[in-house]
Amino acid sequence: MIYSVVDKQSYVIAITRDGADWKEISLGADAMARKVSAFRKGLDVGKTRDASGKSGLFDLALASALYVALLGPVEALT
């Protein structure tokens, strides 16, 4: 996987021994940075609770959304 992240949209390029494909991703640089940053916070064991006391670990919905956005477009190739 290779990603090209630009202002308004991005691209994913997948290369396997059986083929190659590229697709546009509707996330631009700022939106992708926000989503990835939020996801990474959920992986930080030191931040197990947020201010409300709710568990801040691993947001499954966000993980799924990132998968769909970043890998989904080329999933058939992988």
N, C-alpha and C. Protein backbone atom coordinates (compact mmCIF):
# COMPACT_ATOMS: atom_id res chain seq x y z
N MET A 1 0.82 -1.15 0.00
CA MET A 1 0.00 0.00 0.00
C MET A 1 0.89 1.24 0.00
N ILE A 2 0.50 2.16 -0.83
CA ILE A 2 1.13 3.47 -0.89
C ILE A 2 0.00 4.49 -0.86
N TYR A 3 0.17 5.51 -0.06
CA TYR A 3 -0.84 6.56 0.03
C TYR A 3 -0.24 7.88 -0.44
N SER A 4 -1.02 8.61 -1.20
CA SER A 4 -0.67 9.97 -1.58
C SER A 4 -1.75 10.86 -0.98
N VAL A 5 -1.38 11.65 0.02
CA VAL A 5 -2.34 12.47 0.75
C VAL A 5 -2.15 13.93 0.33
N VAL A 6 -3.22 14.52 -0.18
CA VAL A 6 -3.17 15.92 -0.61
C VAL A 6 -4.31 16.68 0.06
N ASP A 7 -4.44 17.95 -0.23
CA ASP A 7 -5.37 18.82 0.47
C ASP A 7 -6.80 18.31 0.53
N LYS A 8 -7.42 18.10 -0.59
CA LYS A 8 -8.86 17.81 -0.64
C LYS A 8 -9.21 16.33 -0.77
N GLN A 9 -8.35 15.53 -1.34
CA GLN A 9 -8.58 14.10 -1.49
C GLN A 9 -7.23 13.41 -1.46
N SER A 10 -7.28 12.10 -1.37
CA SER A 10 -6.04 11.32 -1.32
C SER A 10 -6.20 10.13 -2.24
N TYR A 11 -5.13 9.37 -2.37
CA TYR A 11 -5.14 8.20 -3.25
C TYR A 11 -4.47 7.04 -2.53
N VAL A 12 -4.98 5.84 -2.78
CA VAL A 12 -4.35 4.62 -2.28
C VAL A 12 -3.91 3.82 -3.51
N ILE A 13 -2.71 3.30 -3.43
CA ILE A 13 -2.15 2.47 -4.50
C ILE A 13 -1.79 1.13 -3.87
N ALA A 14 -2.34 0.07 -4.42
CA ALA A 14 -2.05 -1.28 -3.92
C ALA A 14 -1.32 -2.04 -5.01
N ILE A 15 -0.24 -2.68 -4.61
CA ILE A 15 0.55 -3.47 -5.55
C ILE A 15 0.76 -4.85 -4.94
N THR A 16 0.36 -5.87 -5.67
CA THR A 16 0.60 -7.25 -5.24
C THR A 16 1.32 -7.96 -6.38
N ARG A 17 1.70 -9.19 -6.16
CA ARG A 17 2.36 -9.90 -7.25
C ARG A 17 1.39 -10.25 -8.38
N ASP A 18 0.07 -10.17 -8.06
CA ASP A 18 -0.94 -10.48 -9.07
C ASP A 18 -1.49 -9.27 -9.81
N GLY A 19 -1.19 -8.06 -9.33
CA GLY A 19 -1.72 -6.90 -10.00
C GLY A 19 -1.50 -5.62 -9.22
N ALA A 20 -2.04 -4.55 -9.75
CA ALA A 20 -1.93 -3.25 -9.11
C ALA A 20 -3.22 -2.48 -9.36
N ASP A 21 -3.55 -1.59 -8.43
CA ASP A 21 -4.75 -0.77 -8.58
C ASP A 21 -4.56 0.50 -7.77
N TRP A 22 -5.25 1.55 -8.17
CA TRP A 22 -5.25 2.78 -7.39
C TRP A 22 -6.65 3.35 -7.39
N LYS A 23 -7.00 3.97 -6.28
CA LYS A 23 -8.32 4.56 -6.13
C LYS A 23 -8.21 5.88 -5.38
N GLU A 24 -9.18 6.74 -5.62
CA GLU A 24 -9.26 7.99 -4.89
C GLU A 24 -9.93 7.74 -3.54
N ILE A 25 -9.43 8.43 -2.52
CA ILE A 25 -10.00 8.40 -1.18
C ILE A 25 -10.58 9.79 -0.93
N SER A 26 -11.79 9.84 -0.41
CA SER A 26 -12.45 11.14 -0.24
C SER A 26 -11.93 11.95 0.94
N LEU A 27 -10.96 11.45 1.67
CA LEU A 27 -10.38 12.19 2.80
C LEU A 27 -9.19 13.01 2.34
N GLY A 28 -9.20 14.29 2.69
CA GLY A 28 -8.05 15.14 2.44
C GLY A 28 -7.07 15.06 3.61
N ALA A 29 -6.02 15.82 3.53
CA ALA A 29 -4.95 15.75 4.54
C ALA A 29 -5.45 16.07 5.94
N ASP A 30 -6.22 17.13 6.13
CA ASP A 30 -6.68 17.51 7.46
C ASP A 30 -7.63 16.48 8.05
N ALA A 31 -8.60 16.04 7.26
CA ALA A 31 -9.57 15.06 7.75
C ALA A 31 -8.88 13.74 8.10
N MET A 32 -7.95 13.31 7.26
CA MET A 32 -7.25 12.06 7.54
C MET A 32 -6.40 12.19 8.80
N ALA A 33 -5.72 13.30 8.95
CA ALA A 33 -4.89 13.51 10.15
C ALA A 33 -5.74 13.48 11.41
N ARG A 34 -6.92 14.09 11.38
CA ARG A 34 -7.81 14.08 12.55
C ARG A 34 -8.27 12.66 12.88
N LYS A 35 -8.69 11.91 11.88
CA LYS A 35 -9.18 10.54 12.11
C LYS A 35 -8.07 9.62 12.61
N VAL A 36 -6.91 9.70 12.00
CA VAL A 36 -5.80 8.84 12.41
C VAL A 36 -5.32 9.22 13.82
N SER A 37 -5.29 10.50 14.11
CA SER A 37 -4.89 10.95 15.45
C SER A 37 -5.87 10.45 16.50
N ALA A 38 -7.16 10.55 16.22
CA ALA A 38 -8.18 10.05 17.16
C ALA A 38 -8.04 8.55 17.35
N PHE A 39 -7.79 7.82 16.27
CA PHE A 39 -7.61 6.37 16.36
C PHE A 39 -6.39 6.02 17.20
N ARG A 40 -5.29 6.71 16.98
CA ARG A 40 -4.05 6.43 17.71
C ARG A 40 -4.20 6.70 19.20
N LYS A 41 -5.00 7.72 19.57
CA LYS A 41 -5.25 7.99 20.99
C LYS A 41 -5.91 6.80 21.65
N GLY A 42 -6.75 6.10 20.92
CA GLY A 42 -7.43 4.92 21.44
C GLY A 42 -6.51 3.75 21.65
N LEU A 43 -5.32 3.81 21.12
CA LEU A 43 -4.34 2.74 21.30
C LEU A 43 -3.39 3.02 22.47
N ASP A 44 -3.51 4.21 23.07
CA ASP A 44 -2.64 4.62 24.17
C ASP A 44 -3.20 4.11 25.49
N VAL A 45 -2.60 3.07 26.04
CA VAL A 45 -3.08 2.44 27.27
C VAL A 45 -3.09 3.44 28.43
N GLY A 46 -2.23 4.44 28.40
CA GLY A 46 -2.17 5.43 29.47
C GLY A 46 -3.40 6.34 29.51
N LYS A 47 -4.22 6.32 28.48
CA LYS A 47 -5.41 7.15 28.43
C LYS A 47 -6.65 6.27 28.40
N THR A 48 -6.80 5.46 29.44
CA THR A 48 -7.89 4.50 29.46
C THR A 48 -9.25 5.12 29.71
N ARG A 49 -9.31 6.33 30.25
CA ARG A 49 -10.59 7.00 30.51
C ARG A 49 -10.52 8.44 30.04
N ASP A 50 -11.63 8.94 29.53
CA ASP A 50 -11.68 10.36 29.18
C ASP A 50 -12.26 11.15 30.36
N ALA A 51 -12.51 12.43 30.21
CA ALA A 51 -12.97 13.29 31.30
C ALA A 51 -14.30 12.82 31.88
N SER A 52 -15.14 12.19 31.07
CA SER A 52 -16.44 11.73 31.55
C SER A 52 -16.36 10.37 32.23
N GLY A 53 -15.19 9.74 32.20
CA GLY A 53 -15.03 8.42 32.78
C GLY A 53 -15.25 7.29 31.79
N LYS A 54 -15.66 7.64 30.59
CA LYS A 54 -15.88 6.65 29.54
C LYS A 54 -14.54 6.11 29.05
N SER A 55 -14.49 4.82 28.78
CA SER A 55 -13.27 4.22 28.26
C SER A 55 -12.88 4.87 26.95
N GLY A 56 -11.63 5.26 26.83
CA GLY A 56 -11.14 5.89 25.62
C GLY A 56 -10.37 4.94 24.73
N LEU A 57 -10.35 3.66 25.10
CA LEU A 57 -9.57 2.71 24.33
C LEU A 57 -10.33 2.21 23.11
N PHE A 58 -9.62 2.04 22.06
CA PHE A 58 -10.02 1.44 20.79
C PHE A 58 -11.46 1.67 20.40
N ASP A 59 -11.67 2.65 19.58
CA ASP A 59 -12.98 2.98 19.05
C ASP A 59 -13.22 2.10 17.82
N LEU A 60 -14.02 1.06 18.00
CA LEU A 60 -14.26 0.10 16.93
C LEU A 60 -14.92 0.74 15.72
N ALA A 61 -15.83 1.66 15.94
CA ALA A 61 -16.50 2.34 14.83
C ALA A 61 -15.50 3.16 14.02
N LEU A 62 -14.60 3.86 14.69
CA LEU A 62 -13.57 4.64 14.01
C LEU A 62 -12.61 3.73 13.26
N ALA A 63 -12.23 2.62 13.89
CA ALA A 63 -11.34 1.67 13.22
C ALA A 63 -11.98 1.14 11.94
N SER A 64 -13.26 0.83 12.02
CA SER A 64 -13.97 0.33 10.85
C SER A 64 -14.06 1.40 9.76
N ALA A 65 -14.35 2.63 10.16
CA ALA A 65 -14.45 3.74 9.20
C ALA A 65 -13.11 3.97 8.50
N LEU A 66 -12.02 3.89 9.25
CA LEU A 66 -10.69 4.06 8.64
C LEU A 66 -10.38 2.92 7.69
N TYR A 67 -10.74 1.71 8.07
CA TYR A 67 -10.52 0.56 7.18
C TYR A 67 -11.27 0.76 5.87
N VAL A 68 -12.55 1.11 5.98
CA VAL A 68 -13.38 1.30 4.79
C VAL A 68 -12.80 2.41 3.91
N ALA A 69 -12.38 3.51 4.53
CA ALA A 69 -11.87 4.65 3.76
C ALA A 69 -10.49 4.39 3.16
N LEU A 70 -9.60 3.74 3.93
CA LEU A 70 -8.21 3.62 3.49
C LEU A 70 -7.88 2.33 2.76
N LEU A 71 -8.55 1.25 3.13
CA LEU A 71 -8.26 -0.05 2.50
C LEU A 71 -9.40 -0.56 1.64
N GLY A 72 -10.61 -0.15 1.97
CA GLY A 72 -11.78 -0.61 1.24
C GLY A 72 -11.72 -0.43 -0.26
N PRO A 73 -11.24 0.71 -0.75
CA PRO A 73 -11.23 0.92 -2.19
C PRO A 73 -10.38 -0.10 -2.97
N VAL A 74 -9.39 -0.70 -2.34
CA VAL A 74 -8.53 -1.67 -3.03
C VAL A 74 -8.60 -3.04 -2.37
N GLU A 75 -9.61 -3.25 -1.56
CA GLU A 75 -9.74 -4.52 -0.82
C GLU A 75 -9.75 -5.74 -1.73
N ALA A 76 -10.38 -5.65 -2.87
CA ALA A 76 -10.47 -6.79 -3.78
C ALA A 76 -9.10 -7.27 -4.23
N LEU A 77 -8.14 -6.37 -4.27
CA LEU A 77 -6.80 -6.71 -4.74
C LEU A 77 -5.95 -7.36 -3.65
N THR A 78 -6.26 -7.03 -2.39
CA THR A 78 -5.41 -7.51 -1.29
C THR A 78 -5.73 -8.89 -0.83
